[in-house]
Amino acid sequence: MQQAPERFKLIASVYLVLTKDGKTLLSRRFRTGYEDGKYGLVAGHIDGKETLRQALAREVREEAGVTLDVGDLALGHTMHRWCGDHERLDFFFTTDTYAGTIVNKEPKKCDDIAWFPVDELPENTIEYVRLAIENCAGGVPYSEYGWETFRG
């Protein structure tokens, strides 16, 4: 019996676009090997056997120490992103409610976590993250990023 070819696999990531009083929560990457020294969102990968919203709630608890109710998370933007040698699907969720106090729970991977005005994000914000924040604020449901460099 001939074995079916392995199907294409895609990496899925989840992000929290948390905005309060006109400011968005960002964390600065540190010693991760990817975009270190730049600001991004509290985020992570899907571990499997969890929904996107469950994965985000887990990541936010692990990284920022606060609890999210998955029922309060709304999908604000989806991005299909080419990363030079692979592609990803990024899901950006919004909420305005959480329980607890935001703290940096991963100081070995993040050296700052702070609020920044939505219209004045730091210059060293990761480019696709900046675009996703703008798209969430503008009600843009979907975008593609990085495909202009695709050489398939």
C-alpha atoms as a PDB file:
ATOM      1  CA  MET A   1       0.000   0.000   0.000  1.00  0.00           C
ATOM      2  CA  GLN A   2       1.391   3.384  -0.990  1.00  0.00           C
ATOM      3  CA  GLN A   3       1.734   5.884   1.837  1.00  0.00           C
ATOM      4  CA  ALA A   4       0.136   9.283   1.285  1.00  0.00           C
ATOM      5  CA  PRO A   5       2.596  12.158   0.971  1.00  0.00           C
ATOM      6  CA  GLU A   6       3.045  14.251   4.090  1.00  0.00           C
ATOM      7  CA  ARG A   7       0.827  17.303   4.047  1.00  0.00           C
ATOM      8  CA  PHE A   8       2.115  20.843   4.202  1.00  0.00           C
ATOM      9  CA  LYS A   9       2.330  22.180   7.771  1.00  0.00           C
ATOM     10  CA  LEU A  10       1.909  25.752   8.877  1.00  0.00           C
ATOM     11  CA  ILE A  11       3.057  27.378  12.128  1.00  0.00           C
ATOM     12  CA  ALA A  12       0.294  29.204  14.011  1.00  0.00           C
ATOM     13  CA  SER A  13       0.989  31.964  16.523  1.00  0.00           C
ATOM     14  CA  VAL A  14      -1.307  33.977  18.783  1.00  0.00           C
ATOM     15  CA  TYR A  15      -0.857  37.572  19.958  1.00  0.00           C
ATOM     16  CA  LEU A  16      -2.580  39.810  22.487  1.00  0.00           C
ATOM     17  CA  VAL A  17      -3.361  43.350  21.351  1.00  0.00           C
ATOM     18  CA  LEU A  18      -4.247  44.792  24.749  1.00  0.00           C
ATOM     19  CA  THR A  19      -5.173  48.463  24.608  1.00  0.00           C
ATOM     20  CA  LYS A  20      -6.096  50.629  27.586  1.00  0.00           C
ATOM     21  CA  ASP A  21      -6.554  54.411  27.709  1.00  0.00           C
ATOM     22  CA  GLY A  22      -5.136  54.773  24.190  1.00  0.00           C
ATOM     23  CA  LYS A  23      -2.036  52.717  25.007  1.00  0.00           C
ATOM     24  CA  THR A  24      -0.986  49.225  23.887  1.00  0.00           C
ATOM     25  CA  LEU A  25       0.975  46.733  25.963  1.00  0.00           C
ATOM     26  CA  LEU A  26       4.318  45.790  24.377  1.00  0.00           C
ATOM     27  CA  SER A  27       7.213  43.629  25.521  1.00  0.00           C
ATOM     28  CA  ARG A  28      10.833  43.974  24.401  1.00  0.00           C
ATOM     29  CA  ARG A  29      12.485  40.751  23.242  1.00  0.00           C
ATOM     30  CA  PHE A  30      15.733  39.786  24.937  1.00  0.00           C
ATOM     31  CA  ARG A  31      18.103  36.866  24.250  1.00  0.00           C
ATOM     32  CA  THR A  32      15.558  34.941  22.198  1.00  0.00           C
ATOM     33  CA  GLY A  33      17.498  34.824  18.937  1.00  0.00           C
ATOM     34  CA  TYR A  34      14.635  36.523  17.078  1.00  0.00           C
ATOM     35  CA  GLU A  35      14.140  40.301  16.814  1.00  0.00           C
ATOM     36  CA  ASP A  36      15.977  40.872  20.113  1.00  0.00           C
ATOM     37  CA  GLY A  37      15.915  44.484  21.287  1.00  0.00           C
ATOM     38  CA  LYS A  38      12.620  45.124  19.520  1.00  0.00           C
ATOM     39  CA  TYR A  39       9.139  45.494  20.950  1.00  0.00           C
ATOM     40  CA  GLY A  40       6.421  43.013  20.160  1.00  0.00           C
ATOM     41  CA  LEU A  41       3.201  41.819  21.692  1.00  0.00           C
ATOM     42  CA  VAL A  42       2.723  39.228  24.395  1.00  0.00           C
ATOM     43  CA  ALA A  43       2.452  36.174  22.163  1.00  0.00           C
ATOM     44  CA  GLY A  44       3.318  32.564  21.580  1.00  0.00           C
ATOM     45  CA  HIS A  45       2.839  29.385  19.615  1.00  0.00           C
ATOM     46  CA  ILE A  46       0.026  26.879  19.723  1.00  0.00           C
ATOM     47  CA  ASP A  47       1.116  23.794  21.675  1.00  0.00           C
ATOM     48  CA  GLY A  48      -1.529  21.535  20.134  1.00  0.00           C
ATOM     49  CA  LYS A  49      -4.734  20.168  21.578  1.00  0.00           C
ATOM     50  CA  GLU A  50      -5.773  23.701  22.557  1.00  0.00           C
ATOM     51  CA  THR A  51      -7.845  26.342  20.828  1.00  0.00           C
ATOM     52  CA  LEU A  52      -6.260  29.566  19.650  1.00  0.00           C
ATOM     53  CA  ARG A  53      -7.874  31.466  22.520  1.00  0.00           C
ATOM     54  CA  GLN A  54      -6.766  28.857  25.069  1.00  0.00           C
ATOM     55  CA  ALA A  55      -3.213  29.087  23.728  1.00  0.00           C
ATOM     56  CA  LEU A  56      -3.241  32.863  24.060  1.00  0.00           C
ATOM     57  CA  ALA A  57      -4.616  32.741  27.608  1.00  0.00           C
ATOM     58  CA  ARG A  58      -1.840  30.282  28.537  1.00  0.00           C
ATOM     59  CA  GLU A  59       0.882  32.415  26.930  1.00  0.00           C
ATOM     60  CA  VAL A  60      -0.363  35.613  28.580  1.00  0.00           C
ATOM     61  CA  ARG A  61      -0.420  33.918  31.995  1.00  0.00           C
ATOM     62  CA  GLU A  62       3.124  32.572  31.432  1.00  0.00           C
ATOM     63  CA  GLU A  63       4.578  35.837  30.100  1.00  0.00           C
ATOM     64  CA  ALA A  64       2.621  38.646  31.764  1.00  0.00           C
ATOM     65  CA  GLY A  65       1.115  36.983  34.836  1.00  0.00           C
ATOM     66  CA  VAL A  66      -2.500  37.910  34.174  1.00  0.00           C
ATOM     67  CA  THR A  67      -5.537  35.754  33.537  1.00  0.00           C
ATOM     68  CA  LEU A  68      -7.742  36.135  30.485  1.00  0.00           C
ATOM     69  CA  ASP A  69     -11.245  34.778  30.075  1.00  0.00           C
ATOM     70  CA  VAL A  70     -11.194  33.121  26.640  1.00  0.00           C
ATOM     71  CA  GLY A  71     -14.796  34.237  26.148  1.00  0.00           C
ATOM     72  CA  ASP A  72     -13.622  37.865  26.259  1.00  0.00           C
ATOM     73  CA  LEU A  73     -11.081  37.429  23.448  1.00  0.00           C
ATOM     74  CA  ALA A  74     -12.103  38.713  20.022  1.00  0.00           C
ATOM     75  CA  LEU A  75     -10.148  38.041  16.844  1.00  0.00           C
ATOM     76  CA  GLY A  76      -8.960  41.462  15.680  1.00  0.00           C
ATOM     77  CA  HIS A  77      -6.714  40.509  12.780  1.00  0.00           C
ATOM     78  CA  THR A  78      -5.258  37.526  10.921  1.00  0.00           C
ATOM     79  CA  MET A  79      -1.946  37.735   9.079  1.00  0.00           C
ATOM     80  CA  HIS A  80      -0.462  35.233   6.602  1.00  0.00           C
ATOM     81  CA  ARG A  81       3.262  35.888   6.877  1.00  0.00           C
ATOM     82  CA  TRP A  82       6.275  34.754   4.864  1.00  0.00           C
ATOM     83  CA  CYS A  83       9.358  34.552   7.108  1.00  0.00           C
ATOM     84  CA  GLY A  84      12.151  33.999   4.576  1.00  0.00           C
ATOM     85  CA  ASP A  85      12.170  30.196   4.705  1.00  0.00           C
ATOM     86  CA  HIS A  86       8.713  29.304   6.013  1.00  0.00           C
ATOM     87  CA  GLU A  87       5.245  30.738   6.390  1.00  0.00           C
ATOM     88  CA  ARG A  88       3.036  31.401   9.395  1.00  0.00           C
ATOM     89  CA  LEU A  89      -0.516  32.245  10.298  1.00  0.00           C
ATOM     90  CA  ASP A  90      -0.693  34.886  13.011  1.00  0.00           C
ATOM     91  CA  PHE A  91      -3.875  35.504  14.989  1.00  0.00           C
ATOM     92  CA  PHE A  92      -4.138  38.834  16.827  1.00  0.00           C
ATOM     93  CA  PHE A  93      -6.775  38.879  19.564  1.00  0.00           C
ATOM     94  CA  THR A  94      -8.122  41.863  21.443  1.00  0.00           C
ATOM     95  CA  THR A  95      -9.744  42.262  24.838  1.00  0.00           C
ATOM     96  CA  ASP A  96     -10.085  45.011  27.389  1.00  0.00           C
ATOM     97  CA  THR A  97     -10.482  42.773  30.438  1.00  0.00           C
ATOM     98  CA  TYR A  98      -7.995  40.725  32.400  1.00  0.00           C
ATOM     99  CA  ALA A  99      -7.487  39.701  36.010  1.00  0.00           C
ATOM    100  CA  GLY A 100      -4.326  40.401  37.967  1.00  0.00           C
ATOM    101  CA  THR A 101      -1.363  42.727  37.673  1.00  0.00           C
ATOM    102  CA  ILE A 102       0.807  42.745  34.571  1.00  0.00           C
ATOM    103  CA  VAL A 103       4.382  41.738  35.395  1.00  0.00           C
ATOM    104  CA  ASN A 104       7.314  40.443  33.367  1.00  0.00           C
ATOM    105  CA  LYS A 105       7.241  36.713  34.153  1.00  0.00           C
ATOM    106  CA  GLU A 106      10.014  35.854  31.663  1.00  0.00           C
ATOM    107  CA  PRO A 107      12.947  38.219  32.372  1.00  0.00           C
ATOM    108  CA  LYS A 108      15.325  35.853  30.536  1.00  0.00           C
ATOM    109  CA  LYS A 109      13.360  36.450  27.297  1.00  0.00           C
ATOM    110  CA  CYS A 110      11.952  39.938  27.864  1.00  0.00           C
ATOM    111  CA  ASP A 111      13.735  42.937  29.380  1.00  0.00           C
ATOM    112  CA  ASP A 112      10.808  45.398  29.353  1.00  0.00           C
ATOM    113  CA  ILE A 113       7.038  45.258  29.383  1.00  0.00           C
ATOM    114  CA  ALA A 114       5.242  48.605  29.186  1.00  0.00           C
ATOM    115  CA  TRP A 115       2.315  50.577  27.776  1.00  0.00           C
ATOM    116  CA  PHE A 116       2.856  52.814  24.734  1.00  0.00           C
ATOM    117  CA  PRO A 117       0.487  55.230  22.964  1.00  0.00           C
ATOM    118  CA  VAL A 118      -1.086  53.422  20.012  1.00  0.00           C
ATOM    119  CA  ASP A 119      -0.209  56.286  17.681  1.00  0.00           C
ATOM    120  CA  GLU A 120       3.377  56.603  19.019  1.00  0.00           C
ATOM    121  CA  LEU A 121       4.759  53.053  19.142  1.00  0.00           C
ATOM    122  CA  PRO A 122       8.526  52.823  19.738  1.00  0.00           C
ATOM    123  CA  GLU A 123      10.695  53.030  16.623  1.00  0.00           C
ATOM    124  CA  ASN A 124      12.050  49.581  17.493  1.00  0.00           C
ATOM    125  CA  THR A 125       8.653  47.899  17.265  1.00  0.00           C
ATOM    126  CA  ILE A 126       8.726  44.778  15.076  1.00  0.00           C
ATOM    127  CA  GLU A 127       7.405  45.853  11.676  1.00  0.00           C
ATOM    128  CA  TYR A 128       4.710  43.203  11.183  1.00  0.00           C
ATOM    129  CA  VAL A 129       3.526  43.746  14.778  1.00  0.00           C
ATOM    130  CA  ARG A 130       3.152  47.477  14.127  1.00  0.00           C
ATOM    131  CA  LEU A 131       1.106  46.686  11.013  1.00  0.00           C
ATOM    132  CA  ALA A 132      -1.106  44.234  12.927  1.00  0.00           C
ATOM    133  CA  ILE A 133      -1.777  46.788  15.682  1.00  0.00           C
ATOM    134  CA  GLU A 134      -2.735  49.360  13.044  1.00  0.00           C
ATOM    135  CA  ASN A 135      -4.964  46.809  11.306  1.00  0.00           C
ATOM    136  CA  CYS A 136      -6.708  45.883  14.566  1.00  0.00           C
ATOM    137  CA  ALA A 137      -7.342  49.562  15.298  1.00  0.00           C
ATOM    138  CA  GLY A 138      -8.565  50.153  11.737  1.00  0.00           C
ATOM    139  CA  GLY A 139     -10.856  47.129  11.607  1.00  0.00           C
ATOM    140  CA  VAL A 140      -8.826  45.406   8.867  1.00  0.00           C
ATOM    141  CA  PRO A 141      -9.518  41.669   9.306  1.00  0.00           C
ATOM    142  CA  TYR A 142      -6.726  40.172   7.161  1.00  0.00           C
ATOM    143  CA  SER A 143      -3.320  41.009   5.722  1.00  0.00           C
ATOM    144  CA  GLU A 144      -0.326  39.362   4.088  1.00  0.00           C
ATOM    145  CA  TYR A 145       3.211  40.260   5.070  1.00  0.00           C
ATOM    146  CA  GLY A 146       6.662  39.426   3.697  1.00  0.00           C
ATOM    147  CA  TRP A 147       5.481  37.770   0.500  1.00  0.00           C
ATOM    148  CA  GLU A 148       7.245  40.341  -1.682  1.00  0.00           C
ATOM    149  CA  THR A 149      10.498  38.542  -0.761  1.00  0.00           C
ATOM    150  CA  PHE A 150       9.143  35.061  -1.583  1.00  0.00           C
ATOM    151  CA  ARG A 151      11.308  33.258  -4.118  1.00  0.00           C
ATOM    152  CA  GLY A 152       9.346  30.051  -4.608  1.00  0.00           C
END
